[in-house]
Amino acid sequence: MLITLTLVFLALGLLYATLIWNYGHWRKRGVPGPKPKILCGNYPNMFTAKRHVSYDLDDIYRKYKNKYDVVGIFSGRAPQLLVVSPEMARRVFVTNFKNFHDNEFSKYFDEKSDFIFANNPFSLTGEKWKNRRADVTPGLTMGRIKTVYPVTNKVCQQLSEWVEKQIRVGSPEGIDAKHMSLCFTTEMVTDCVLGLGAQSFTDKPTPIVENIKDLFNQPWTFMLFFVVISAFPSLSHLIKMRFVPKKVERFFVDLMGSAVAARRAQLANGKQFERTDFLDYILQLGEKRSLDNRQLLAYSMTFLLDGFETTATVLAHTLLNLGRNSQAQELLRREIRDHLQDGIIAFDKLNELPYLDACIQETIRLYPPGFIANKLCTESIEIPNKDGPNVVVEKGTVVVVPHYSFMADEDFFPEPQSFKPERFLEPDAAKTFKERGVFMGFGDGPRVCIGMRFATAQIKAALVELISKFNVKINAKTRKDNEFDPINIVTGLRGGIWLDFEKL
C-alpha cells in the first residue's frame, strides 16, 4: 500500500512538474508578463468558456500597455508574446512582415487532415501563400465585383421581400438578424461565385445554408484539440486537425462539381454565360493550372469560406447599432435617399456615401470579426520593449495581436463602447487609424483581407436596401450591452441579435 501511494504521489509530482516546467520560458529571457495558472496559462476561461477570450487578453493589455511593447504570456503551457502597443502591432503586420509572415493556424492543418482549409490563403505559408494570393487576387478586382453587382441588387430585393413577409407573420421575438444576414451572404456568394441559387429566402432552401452553419458551429472535439495542444505544444507536430467537417467538404465538392459541369456544358453548347463571374475566372485558372474538381474547389472555397460568416456578422451588427441609435439611422437614411435612383444606388456611387462607410467601420471597431491575430515568427528578430530590455523573438514564436484591445481603448477612441460613426467621417480616418495600428478591421500589410472590397460592397448594398425601406428597432429579446458570446468563433453579441422592422 505504501509503495502504491508513493508511486501515485511520484506520478502526480511528475505530472505537475511537466505542466509547469515551461512557465519559466519568458522569465529566463527577461520578458515581463503576468503569472500563468496551471493548465490554462493566462487564458483563465480556456475550459469554462464563461468569458470571451478578448476580455482576458484586454485585462493583461491594460495592465502593461503604458510600460512595454510586448509581454510574455502562456496559452496552456505554450509560450506566446502579447503585443501591447499599436506601434508594435503595425511592425508585425507591415514593417517587419517578413519576420511574421505566417499565421499560427498553419501549424494545425495539412492537406491530409483538411484539404480545403489547408489550401486557404489564411493557412498557407511562405511561397505557397504568395503564389495562391497572386492567383486569387485577379478574381476579386473592382471590375469583376462590379460585373456581379446586378446579382447583388437582385438578392437585396429578395431580402426586403423576405423581411416584409416576416413583418406580416409578426413573430413576438422579431427577426434573427444573424440568420437573416447569413441567408443574404449565402445567396450572394453562392450566386456570384458559382452561378447557383441557394434559395435562402424561400420555404425550401437548398442545404447550402445548413452546411455553412455546420462549418462555423464546430463540435466539442475542435475546442478539445486546442486545449490539448495548449497543454502539450509538441503534439502539434504529430496531430493535425480538421476545420471543414468531412460531410461539409463532400457537400461542397459535389456542389462545385455540379456548377463546373453545368458551366462547361453551357459553353460546349455555344452559350456564353451572361456575366464574367468568379467561377468563370476559376475555370480559366483551372485550365491554366490543369486543376481537377477537388483543386478547383480549394480555389473556389477561398471565395466561399471567406465571404459567408464574417460578412454576415458585420451586416447583423451594423443593423444592431442602427436599431439602437435612431438618430444615426435617420442620418444614414437621408444620405441613402439622396443617392437613390430607381430604388438602388449605382455601384460607382457606393463609395460616395461617407456616413454609410463610417457606420460599417464603427461597427467593425465595436464588434471586430477578427478580435485577435496570432502570427508566427518566421525569421528571428530583436525588437525594443519600451521600459524593458530588448526582446529577441525566436523563429516559431506565436505573437498575439489583440485588435479588440486597441479598438476598445479610450485613449484612442473616447467612449469606446458607444456607437459613434462620426469617428470615421474625417477624411482618411480609417486609413489614419490603421497606420497608427489601432484599427485593423480587415488586417493590414501584405496579408490584408483579400475579400475586403467584395464584402464591403455586399454589406453596403444590403444596408441601402433595408434602411431605405424599413425602420429598424431592437426587439426586447436583444441584450442592451455589447458583451461578446464566449462560444462563437467569430465575434458576436451574447444571446444573438433580434430586430423588429417597420415598413416605411
Protein backbone atom coordinates (compact mmCIF):
# COMPACT_ATOMS: atom_id res chain seq x y z
CA MET A 1 0.00 0.00 0.00
CA LEU A 2 2.81 2.40 0.92
CA ILE A 3 4.59 1.62 -2.34
CA THR A 4 1.39 2.27 -4.28
CA LEU A 5 0.84 5.63 -2.56
CA THR A 6 4.45 6.57 -3.17
CA LEU A 7 4.13 5.77 -6.85
CA VAL A 8 0.88 7.75 -7.10
CA PHE A 9 2.46 10.81 -5.46
CA LEU A 10 5.51 10.47 -7.69
CA ALA A 11 3.30 10.27 -10.76
CA LEU A 12 1.31 13.31 -9.63
CA GLY A 13 4.51 15.18 -8.86
CA LEU A 14 5.91 14.31 -12.28
CA LEU A 15 2.68 15.45 -13.96
CA TYR A 16 2.70 18.72 -12.02
CA ALA A 17 6.35 19.32 -12.91
CA THR A 18 5.56 18.63 -16.57
CA LEU A 19 2.67 21.10 -16.53
CA ILE A 20 4.66 23.97 -15.01
CA TRP A 21 8.22 23.40 -16.19
CA ASN A 22 7.81 25.67 -19.22
CA TYR A 23 6.45 28.59 -17.18
CA GLY A 24 9.98 29.93 -16.74
CA HIS A 25 10.32 30.48 -20.50
CA TRP A 26 9.85 34.25 -20.52
CA ARG A 27 11.46 34.89 -17.15
CA LYS A 28 14.70 33.33 -18.42
CA ARG A 29 14.59 35.70 -21.41
CA GLY A 30 13.94 38.80 -19.30
CA VAL A 31 10.47 39.33 -20.73
CA PRO A 32 7.88 40.67 -18.27
CA GLY A 33 4.35 39.29 -18.05
CA PRO A 34 1.58 38.02 -15.77
CA LYS A 35 1.96 34.83 -13.78
CA PRO A 36 0.34 31.85 -15.56
CA LYS A 37 -2.03 29.40 -13.90
CA ILE A 38 -1.61 25.67 -14.17
CA LEU A 39 -3.27 24.10 -17.25
CA CYS A 40 -4.84 27.30 -18.64
CA GLY A 41 -1.82 29.63 -18.51
CA ASN A 42 -3.05 33.20 -18.98
CA TYR A 43 -6.38 32.17 -20.52
CA PRO A 44 -8.45 31.57 -17.35
CA ASN A 45 -11.63 30.74 -19.28
CA MET A 46 -10.00 28.21 -21.57
CA PHE A 47 -12.02 25.33 -20.13
CA THR A 48 -15.15 27.04 -18.80
CA ALA A 49 -15.79 29.49 -21.68
CA LYS A 50 -17.62 31.73 -19.20
CA ARG A 51 -15.98 34.86 -20.60
CA HIS A 52 -14.81 35.81 -24.06
CA VAL A 53 -11.06 35.41 -24.54
CA SER A 54 -10.69 39.00 -25.79
CA TYR A 55 -11.61 40.28 -22.31
CA ASP A 56 -8.95 38.12 -20.63
CA LEU A 57 -6.32 39.47 -23.01
CA ASP A 58 -7.64 43.01 -22.52
CA ASP A 59 -7.04 42.74 -18.77
CA ILE A 60 -3.38 41.97 -19.46
CA TYR A 61 -3.16 44.68 -22.12
CA ARG A 62 -4.43 47.40 -19.77
CA LYS A 63 -2.04 46.36 -17.02
CA TYR A 64 1.09 46.55 -19.19
CA LYS A 65 0.30 48.88 -22.13
CA ASN A 66 1.94 52.01 -20.69
CA LYS A 67 5.22 50.33 -19.80
CA TYR A 68 6.01 47.76 -22.50
CA ASP A 69 5.54 46.92 -26.18
CA VAL A 70 5.25 43.15 -25.63
CA VAL A 71 4.77 40.85 -22.65
CA GLY A 72 5.12 37.11 -22.25
CA ILE A 73 2.00 35.00 -21.75
CA PHE A 74 1.06 31.34 -21.99
CA SER A 75 -1.73 29.50 -23.76
CA GLY A 76 -1.81 26.46 -21.52
CA ARG A 77 1.90 25.63 -21.48
CA ALA A 78 2.65 27.19 -24.86
CA PRO A 79 4.57 30.49 -24.62
CA GLN A 80 3.25 33.45 -26.62
CA LEU A 81 4.17 37.11 -26.95
CA LEU A 82 1.28 39.52 -26.45
CA VAL A 83 1.65 42.84 -28.28
CA VAL A 84 0.51 45.70 -26.03
CA SER A 85 1.39 48.70 -28.19
CA PRO A 86 -0.26 49.57 -31.53
CA GLU A 87 3.08 50.71 -32.94
CA MET A 88 4.47 47.22 -32.41
CA ALA A 89 1.31 45.72 -33.95
CA ARG A 90 1.95 47.79 -37.05
CA ARG A 91 5.51 46.50 -37.18
CA VAL A 92 4.30 42.90 -37.01
CA PHE A 93 1.84 43.36 -39.89
CA VAL A 94 3.72 45.80 -42.12
CA THR A 95 7.24 46.99 -41.31
CA ASN A 96 8.63 43.62 -40.25
CA PHE A 97 6.22 41.48 -42.27
CA LYS A 98 8.97 39.09 -43.43
CA ASN A 99 9.65 38.23 -39.77
CA PHE A 100 5.98 37.48 -39.04
CA HIS A 101 4.91 36.16 -42.40
CA ASP A 102 2.58 33.30 -41.44
CA ASN A 103 -0.49 32.71 -39.28
CA GLU A 104 -0.34 30.32 -36.32
CA PHE A 105 -3.23 28.27 -37.76
CA SER A 106 -0.88 26.98 -40.44
CA LYS A 107 0.71 24.69 -37.82
CA TYR A 108 -2.50 22.80 -37.19
CA PHE A 109 -3.57 21.76 -40.70
CA ASP A 110 -2.21 19.84 -43.64
CA GLU A 111 -3.75 18.57 -46.87
CA LYS A 112 -4.33 15.11 -45.39
CA SER A 113 -6.32 16.36 -42.42
CA ASP A 114 -8.23 19.19 -44.14
CA PHE A 115 -7.61 19.69 -47.85
CA ILE A 116 -9.87 22.75 -48.15
CA PHE A 117 -8.66 24.79 -45.19
CA ALA A 118 -5.03 23.83 -45.74
CA ASN A 119 -5.34 25.42 -49.19
CA ASN A 120 -6.98 28.62 -47.95
CA PRO A 121 -4.66 31.66 -48.20
CA PHE A 122 -5.22 32.24 -44.47
CA SER A 123 -3.50 28.91 -43.69
CA LEU A 124 -0.90 28.83 -46.44
CA THR A 125 2.70 29.77 -45.70
CA GLY A 126 5.74 31.15 -47.48
CA GLU A 127 5.83 30.90 -51.26
CA LYS A 128 2.64 28.80 -51.35
CA TRP A 129 0.73 31.71 -49.81
CA LYS A 130 2.37 34.21 -52.14
CA ASN A 131 1.52 32.17 -55.25
CA ARG A 132 -2.06 31.43 -54.15
CA ARG A 133 -2.74 35.08 -53.35
CA ALA A 134 -1.35 36.07 -56.75
CA ASP A 135 -3.73 33.52 -58.35
CA VAL A 136 -6.84 34.58 -56.42
CA THR A 137 -6.43 38.37 -56.35
CA PRO A 138 -7.33 38.95 -60.05
CA GLY A 139 -10.66 37.22 -59.36
CA LEU A 140 -11.60 39.92 -56.85
CA THR A 141 -10.90 43.10 -58.77
CA MET A 142 -13.34 46.01 -58.58
CA GLY A 143 -14.22 45.38 -62.21
CA ARG A 144 -15.27 41.80 -61.51
CA ILE A 145 -17.18 42.85 -58.36
CA LYS A 146 -18.97 45.47 -60.45
CA THR A 147 -19.88 42.81 -63.02
CA VAL A 148 -21.82 40.82 -60.42
CA TYR A 149 -23.43 43.92 -58.86
CA PRO A 150 -26.75 43.22 -60.65
CA VAL A 151 -26.80 39.90 -58.77
CA THR A 152 -26.28 41.84 -55.55
CA ASN A 153 -29.29 44.03 -56.28
CA LYS A 154 -31.41 41.01 -57.16
CA VAL A 155 -30.55 39.34 -53.85
CA CYS A 156 -31.21 42.61 -51.99
CA GLN A 157 -34.71 42.62 -53.47
CA GLN A 158 -35.23 39.04 -52.24
CA LEU A 159 -34.00 40.16 -48.81
CA SER A 160 -36.52 43.01 -48.49
CA GLU A 161 -39.38 40.80 -49.74
CA TRP A 162 -38.44 38.23 -47.08
CA VAL A 163 -38.43 40.94 -44.38
CA GLU A 164 -41.90 42.10 -45.49
CA LYS A 165 -43.11 38.51 -45.18
CA GLN A 166 -41.70 38.28 -41.63
CA ILE A 167 -43.47 41.53 -40.73
CA ARG A 168 -46.76 40.01 -41.86
CA VAL A 169 -46.07 36.89 -39.78
CA GLY A 170 -45.40 39.14 -36.78
CA SER A 171 -43.25 36.95 -34.53
CA PRO A 172 -43.01 38.45 -31.00
CA GLU A 173 -39.28 37.59 -30.96
CA GLY A 174 -38.68 39.63 -34.09
CA ILE A 175 -36.16 38.64 -36.74
CA ASP A 176 -32.90 36.83 -36.01
CA ALA A 177 -30.53 39.30 -37.66
CA LYS A 178 -27.63 36.87 -37.89
CA HIS A 179 -29.75 34.22 -39.61
CA MET A 180 -31.17 36.82 -41.99
CA SER A 181 -27.70 38.16 -42.78
CA LEU A 182 -26.31 34.67 -43.30
CA CYS A 183 -29.15 33.89 -45.73
CA PHE A 184 -28.24 37.06 -47.60
CA THR A 185 -24.50 36.35 -47.80
CA THR A 186 -25.15 32.70 -48.70
CA GLU A 187 -27.38 33.69 -51.59
CA MET A 188 -24.94 36.38 -52.68
CA VAL A 189 -21.75 34.39 -52.55
CA THR A 190 -23.23 31.18 -54.00
CA ASP A 191 -24.67 33.06 -56.97
CA CYS A 192 -21.65 35.32 -57.52
CA VAL A 193 -19.08 32.55 -57.15
CA LEU A 194 -20.86 29.52 -58.61
CA GLY A 195 -23.76 31.00 -60.56
CA LEU A 196 -26.18 28.91 -58.49
CA GLY A 197 -29.15 29.90 -56.34
CA ALA A 198 -29.21 28.85 -52.69
CA GLN A 199 -32.95 29.65 -52.37
CA SER A 200 -32.11 31.05 -48.93
CA PHE A 201 -35.22 33.21 -48.66
CA THR A 202 -37.70 30.55 -49.73
CA ASP A 203 -39.60 27.98 -47.67
CA LYS A 204 -37.40 25.27 -49.15
CA PRO A 205 -33.79 26.49 -49.13
CA THR A 206 -31.06 24.28 -50.53
CA PRO A 207 -28.76 22.57 -47.98
CA ILE A 208 -26.13 25.26 -48.54
CA VAL A 209 -27.19 27.41 -45.56
CA GLU A 210 -27.19 24.49 -43.14
CA ASN A 211 -23.78 23.31 -44.35
CA ILE A 212 -22.38 26.79 -43.80
CA LYS A 213 -23.79 26.84 -40.28
CA ASP A 214 -22.19 23.44 -39.64
CA LEU A 215 -18.92 24.91 -40.82
CA PHE A 216 -18.88 27.54 -38.07
CA ASN A 217 -20.67 25.57 -35.34
CA GLN A 218 -17.68 23.46 -34.54
CA PRO A 219 -18.02 20.28 -32.40
CA TRP A 220 -16.51 19.97 -28.93
CA THR A 221 -13.63 17.98 -30.44
CA PHE A 222 -12.45 21.15 -32.22
CA MET A 223 -12.04 23.00 -28.91
CA LEU A 224 -10.58 19.92 -27.24
CA PHE A 225 -7.83 19.88 -29.86
CA PHE A 226 -6.73 23.39 -28.90
CA VAL A 227 -6.85 22.58 -25.20
CA VAL A 228 -4.65 19.51 -25.70
CA ILE A 229 -2.22 21.36 -27.98
CA SER A 230 -2.01 24.23 -25.47
CA ALA A 231 -1.13 21.76 -22.70
CA PHE A 232 1.31 19.78 -24.86
CA PRO A 233 2.55 22.07 -27.69
CA SER A 234 4.87 19.46 -29.20
CA LEU A 235 1.82 17.39 -30.20
CA SER A 236 1.06 19.95 -32.94
CA HIS A 237 3.76 18.23 -34.99
CA LEU A 238 2.03 14.86 -34.66
CA ILE A 239 -1.70 15.68 -34.59
CA LYS A 240 -3.44 17.74 -37.25
CA MET A 241 -6.99 18.99 -37.10
CA ARG A 242 -9.97 19.42 -39.41
CA PHE A 243 -11.82 22.73 -39.59
CA VAL A 244 -14.10 21.85 -42.52
CA PRO A 245 -16.18 18.81 -41.42
CA LYS A 246 -15.96 15.84 -43.77
CA LYS A 247 -19.64 15.96 -44.71
CA VAL A 248 -19.41 19.69 -45.42
CA GLU A 249 -16.37 19.09 -47.64
CA ARG A 250 -18.23 16.34 -49.54
CA PHE A 251 -21.25 18.61 -50.00
CA PHE A 252 -19.20 21.45 -51.47
CA VAL A 253 -17.12 19.09 -53.63
CA ASP A 254 -20.38 17.83 -55.17
CA LEU A 255 -21.77 21.35 -55.44
CA MET A 256 -18.60 22.58 -57.14
CA GLY A 257 -18.70 19.60 -59.49
CA SER A 258 -22.30 20.39 -60.45
CA ALA A 259 -21.53 24.06 -61.03
CA VAL A 260 -18.47 23.30 -63.14
CA ALA A 261 -20.29 20.64 -65.18
CA ALA A 262 -23.23 22.97 -65.82
CA ARG A 263 -21.00 25.85 -66.88
CA ARG A 264 -18.86 23.65 -69.16
CA ALA A 265 -21.98 22.12 -70.74
CA GLN A 266 -23.26 25.61 -71.39
CA LEU A 267 -20.02 26.62 -73.04
CA ALA A 268 -19.89 23.36 -75.06
CA ASN A 269 -23.33 24.20 -76.47
CA GLY A 270 -22.05 27.56 -77.62
CA LYS A 271 -23.90 29.50 -74.94
CA GLN A 272 -21.94 32.22 -73.22
CA PHE A 273 -22.83 32.80 -69.56
CA GLU A 274 -24.46 36.19 -69.11
CA ARG A 275 -21.71 37.55 -66.89
CA THR A 276 -17.99 37.20 -66.27
CA ASP A 277 -18.18 35.97 -62.65
CA PHE A 278 -15.80 34.34 -60.21
CA LEU A 279 -16.47 30.81 -61.49
CA ASP A 280 -15.57 31.98 -64.97
CA TYR A 281 -12.24 33.16 -63.60
CA ILE A 282 -11.69 29.94 -61.62
CA LEU A 283 -12.33 27.81 -64.72
CA GLN A 284 -9.83 29.85 -66.71
CA LEU A 285 -7.34 29.43 -63.89
CA GLY A 286 -8.11 25.69 -63.77
CA GLU A 287 -7.25 25.27 -67.44
CA LYS A 288 -4.07 27.25 -66.97
CA ARG A 289 -3.03 25.21 -63.91
CA SER A 290 -4.55 21.85 -65.02
CA LEU A 291 -6.66 21.62 -61.84
CA ASP A 292 -9.13 18.82 -61.10
CA ASN A 293 -12.53 19.42 -59.42
CA ARG A 294 -11.11 18.99 -55.93
CA GLN A 295 -8.38 21.53 -56.63
CA LEU A 296 -10.93 23.85 -58.24
CA LEU A 297 -12.94 23.57 -55.03
CA ALA A 298 -9.91 24.59 -52.97
CA TYR A 299 -9.69 27.79 -55.02
CA SER A 300 -13.43 28.48 -55.03
CA MET A 301 -13.70 27.85 -51.30
CA THR A 302 -11.35 30.79 -50.81
CA PHE A 303 -14.19 32.94 -52.17
CA LEU A 304 -16.87 30.96 -50.34
CA LEU A 305 -15.34 30.41 -46.89
CA ASP A 306 -14.14 33.97 -46.51
CA GLY A 307 -17.41 35.51 -47.63
CA PHE A 308 -20.16 33.88 -45.59
CA GLU A 309 -19.77 34.25 -41.84
CA THR A 310 -17.69 37.38 -41.38
CA THR A 311 -19.72 39.46 -43.86
CA ALA A 312 -22.99 38.31 -42.29
CA THR A 313 -21.64 39.18 -38.84
CA VAL A 314 -20.74 42.75 -39.80
CA LEU A 315 -24.11 43.28 -41.51
CA ALA A 316 -26.06 41.97 -38.49
CA HIS A 317 -24.12 44.11 -36.02
CA THR A 318 -24.44 47.23 -38.16
CA LEU A 319 -28.22 46.76 -38.09
CA LEU A 320 -27.97 46.25 -34.32
CA ASN A 321 -26.13 49.55 -33.90
CA LEU A 322 -28.53 51.43 -36.16
CA GLY A 323 -31.50 49.95 -34.33
CA ARG A 324 -30.06 51.17 -31.04
CA ASN A 325 -29.34 54.63 -32.46
CA SER A 326 -32.38 56.10 -34.19
CA GLN A 327 -30.60 59.39 -34.91
CA ALA A 328 -27.74 57.64 -36.69
CA GLN A 329 -30.24 55.51 -38.59
CA GLU A 330 -32.13 58.59 -39.78
CA LEU A 331 -28.92 60.33 -40.85
CA LEU A 332 -27.96 57.26 -42.86
CA ARG A 333 -31.45 57.03 -44.39
CA ARG A 334 -31.23 60.63 -45.61
CA GLU A 335 -27.80 60.02 -47.15
CA ILE A 336 -29.06 56.90 -48.91
CA ARG A 337 -32.24 58.52 -50.24
CA ASP A 338 -30.25 61.45 -51.63
CA HIS A 339 -28.40 58.99 -53.88
CA LEU A 340 -31.15 56.50 -54.79
CA GLN A 341 -32.07 56.06 -58.43
CA ASP A 342 -34.86 53.63 -59.29
CA GLY A 343 -34.57 52.13 -55.81
CA ILE A 344 -30.86 51.33 -56.00
CA ILE A 345 -27.52 53.09 -55.79
CA ALA A 346 -25.19 52.64 -58.73
CA PHE A 347 -22.07 50.64 -57.99
CA ASP A 348 -19.77 53.57 -58.75
CA LYS A 349 -21.68 55.68 -56.20
CA LEU A 350 -21.48 53.20 -53.30
CA ASN A 351 -18.16 54.62 -52.17
CA GLU A 352 -19.55 58.17 -52.20
CA LEU A 353 -21.65 57.59 -49.07
CA PRO A 354 -19.35 58.65 -46.21
CA TYR A 355 -21.85 58.07 -43.41
CA LEU A 356 -22.65 54.56 -44.64
CA ASP A 357 -18.96 53.75 -44.71
CA ALA A 358 -18.50 55.28 -41.24
CA CYS A 359 -21.35 53.16 -39.79
CA ILE A 360 -19.71 49.99 -41.10
CA GLN A 361 -16.23 50.94 -39.87
CA GLU A 362 -17.54 51.85 -36.41
CA THR A 363 -19.41 48.54 -36.23
CA ILE A 364 -16.23 46.63 -37.08
CA ARG A 365 -14.46 48.58 -34.32
CA LEU A 366 -17.11 47.59 -31.77
CA TYR A 367 -17.52 44.00 -32.99
CA PRO A 368 -14.34 43.05 -34.84
CA PRO A 369 -14.86 39.66 -36.57
CA GLY A 370 -11.14 39.06 -36.10
CA PHE A 371 -10.69 40.20 -32.49
CA ILE A 372 -7.10 38.87 -32.33
CA ALA A 373 -4.43 37.78 -34.78
CA ASN A 374 -1.98 35.02 -33.95
CA LYS A 375 1.12 35.42 -36.08
CA LEU A 376 4.13 33.10 -36.33
CA CYS A 377 7.64 34.45 -36.17
CA THR A 378 9.16 33.12 -39.39
CA GLU A 379 12.55 34.81 -39.04
CA SER A 380 14.12 35.71 -35.69
CA ILE A 381 14.26 39.41 -34.86
CA GLU A 382 15.27 41.65 -31.96
CA ILE A 383 12.64 44.24 -31.01
CA PRO A 384 12.53 47.09 -28.46
CA ASN A 385 10.30 46.85 -25.39
CA LYS A 386 9.90 50.39 -24.01
CA ASP A 387 10.94 50.32 -20.32
CA GLY A 388 12.23 46.76 -20.54
CA PRO A 389 15.27 45.31 -22.31
CA ASN A 390 15.12 44.42 -26.00
CA VAL A 391 13.43 41.10 -26.79
CA VAL A 392 14.75 38.51 -29.21
CA VAL A 393 11.71 36.93 -30.86
CA GLU A 394 12.79 33.47 -31.89
CA LYS A 395 11.60 31.72 -35.01
CA GLY A 396 8.45 29.72 -34.26
CA THR A 397 7.21 32.06 -31.52
CA VAL A 398 3.50 32.84 -31.60
CA VAL A 399 2.84 36.59 -31.45
CA VAL A 400 -0.69 37.62 -30.40
CA VAL A 401 -2.06 40.96 -31.58
CA PRO A 402 -5.20 41.88 -29.56
CA HIS A 403 -7.10 44.02 -32.09
CA TYR A 404 -10.09 44.34 -29.79
CA SER A 405 -7.96 45.89 -27.02
CA PHE A 406 -6.71 48.67 -29.30
CA MET A 407 -10.19 49.34 -30.70
CA ALA A 408 -11.80 49.41 -27.23
CA ASP A 409 -9.14 51.66 -25.68
CA GLU A 410 -10.49 55.05 -24.55
CA ASP A 411 -7.06 56.59 -25.22
CA PHE A 412 -7.64 56.02 -28.94
CA PHE A 413 -11.45 56.00 -29.11
CA PRO A 414 -13.19 58.09 -26.39
CA GLU A 415 -16.32 56.40 -25.03
CA PRO A 416 -15.23 53.18 -26.75
CA GLN A 417 -18.45 51.24 -26.08
CA SER A 418 -20.59 53.92 -27.74
CA PHE A 419 -21.57 53.77 -31.41
CA LYS A 420 -20.17 56.96 -32.91
CA PRO A 421 -19.81 56.77 -36.70
CA GLU A 422 -18.52 60.34 -36.74
CA ARG A 423 -15.14 58.96 -35.62
CA PHE A 424 -14.68 57.80 -39.21
CA LEU A 425 -16.05 60.87 -41.01
CA GLU A 426 -12.77 62.76 -41.11
CA PRO A 427 -11.01 62.34 -44.48
CA ASP A 428 -8.97 59.13 -44.47
CA ALA A 429 -9.90 58.47 -40.82
CA ALA A 430 -9.86 54.68 -41.22
CA LYS A 431 -6.50 54.86 -43.02
CA THR A 432 -5.06 57.07 -40.28
CA PHE A 433 -6.28 54.75 -37.51
CA LYS A 434 -4.83 51.78 -39.38
CA GLU A 435 -1.46 53.44 -39.85
CA ARG A 436 -1.36 54.10 -36.10
CA GLY A 437 -2.05 50.38 -35.53
CA VAL A 438 -5.26 50.99 -33.55
CA PHE A 439 -7.78 49.89 -36.19
CA MET A 440 -7.22 46.80 -38.30
CA GLY A 441 -10.74 45.75 -39.16
CA PHE A 442 -9.56 43.79 -42.19
CA GLY A 443 -5.98 43.24 -41.06
CA ASP A 444 -3.09 45.14 -42.59
CA GLY A 445 0.02 44.69 -44.67
CA PRO A 446 0.53 42.13 -47.45
CA ARG A 447 -1.91 39.69 -45.81
CA VAL A 448 -4.77 42.18 -45.52
CA CYS A 449 -8.17 40.52 -46.13
CA ILE A 450 -8.32 39.55 -49.80
CA GLY A 451 -12.12 39.76 -49.97
CA MET A 452 -12.42 43.15 -48.26
CA ARG A 453 -13.86 45.03 -51.24
CA PHE A 454 -16.33 42.29 -52.17
CA ALA A 455 -17.55 42.01 -48.57
CA THR A 456 -17.91 45.77 -48.19
CA ALA A 457 -19.92 46.06 -51.41
CA GLN A 458 -22.31 43.34 -50.19
CA ILE A 459 -22.82 44.96 -46.79
CA LYS A 460 -23.38 48.42 -48.26
CA ALA A 461 -25.91 47.16 -50.81
CA ALA A 462 -27.88 45.27 -48.13
CA LEU A 463 -27.94 48.31 -45.83
CA VAL A 464 -29.08 50.57 -48.65
CA GLU A 465 -31.96 48.17 -49.35
CA LEU A 466 -33.05 47.74 -45.73
CA ILE A 467 -32.58 51.24 -44.34
CA SER A 468 -34.29 52.87 -47.34
CA LYS A 469 -37.37 50.67 -46.94
CA PHE A 470 -37.63 49.84 -43.23
CA ASN A 471 -37.26 51.37 -39.80
CA VAL A 472 -35.07 49.07 -37.71
CA LYS A 473 -35.78 48.67 -34.00
CA ILE A 474 -34.38 46.44 -31.27
CA ASN A 475 -36.54 43.56 -30.05
CA ALA A 476 -36.77 43.12 -26.27
CA LYS A 477 -35.00 39.76 -26.59
CA THR A 478 -31.73 41.52 -27.50
CA ARG A 479 -29.21 42.46 -24.80
CA LYS A 480 -28.59 46.12 -24.09
CA ASP A 481 -24.81 45.78 -23.71
CA ASN A 482 -22.02 44.85 -26.12
CA GLU A 483 -20.92 41.64 -24.38
CA PHE A 484 -19.37 39.06 -26.71
CA ASP A 485 -20.61 35.49 -26.83
CA PRO A 486 -17.70 33.43 -25.42
CA ILE A 487 -18.51 30.41 -27.61
CA ASN A 488 -18.57 31.92 -31.12
CA ILE A 489 -15.51 31.60 -33.37
CA VAL A 490 -16.43 34.93 -35.00
CA THR A 491 -17.23 37.79 -32.61
CA GLY A 492 -20.95 38.15 -31.88
CA LEU A 493 -23.31 39.65 -29.32
CA ARG A 494 -24.13 37.27 -26.49
CA GLY A 495 -27.68 35.95 -26.86
CA GLY A 496 -27.94 36.94 -30.52
CA ILE A 497 -29.42 39.94 -32.32
CA TRP A 498 -33.21 40.15 -32.55
CA LEU A 499 -34.70 43.01 -34.55
CA ASP A 500 -38.13 44.43 -35.38
CA PHE A 501 -38.73 46.00 -38.80
CA GLU A 502 -41.37 48.53 -39.77
CA LYS A 503 -42.21 49.20 -43.39
CA LEU A 504 -41.68 52.88 -44.27
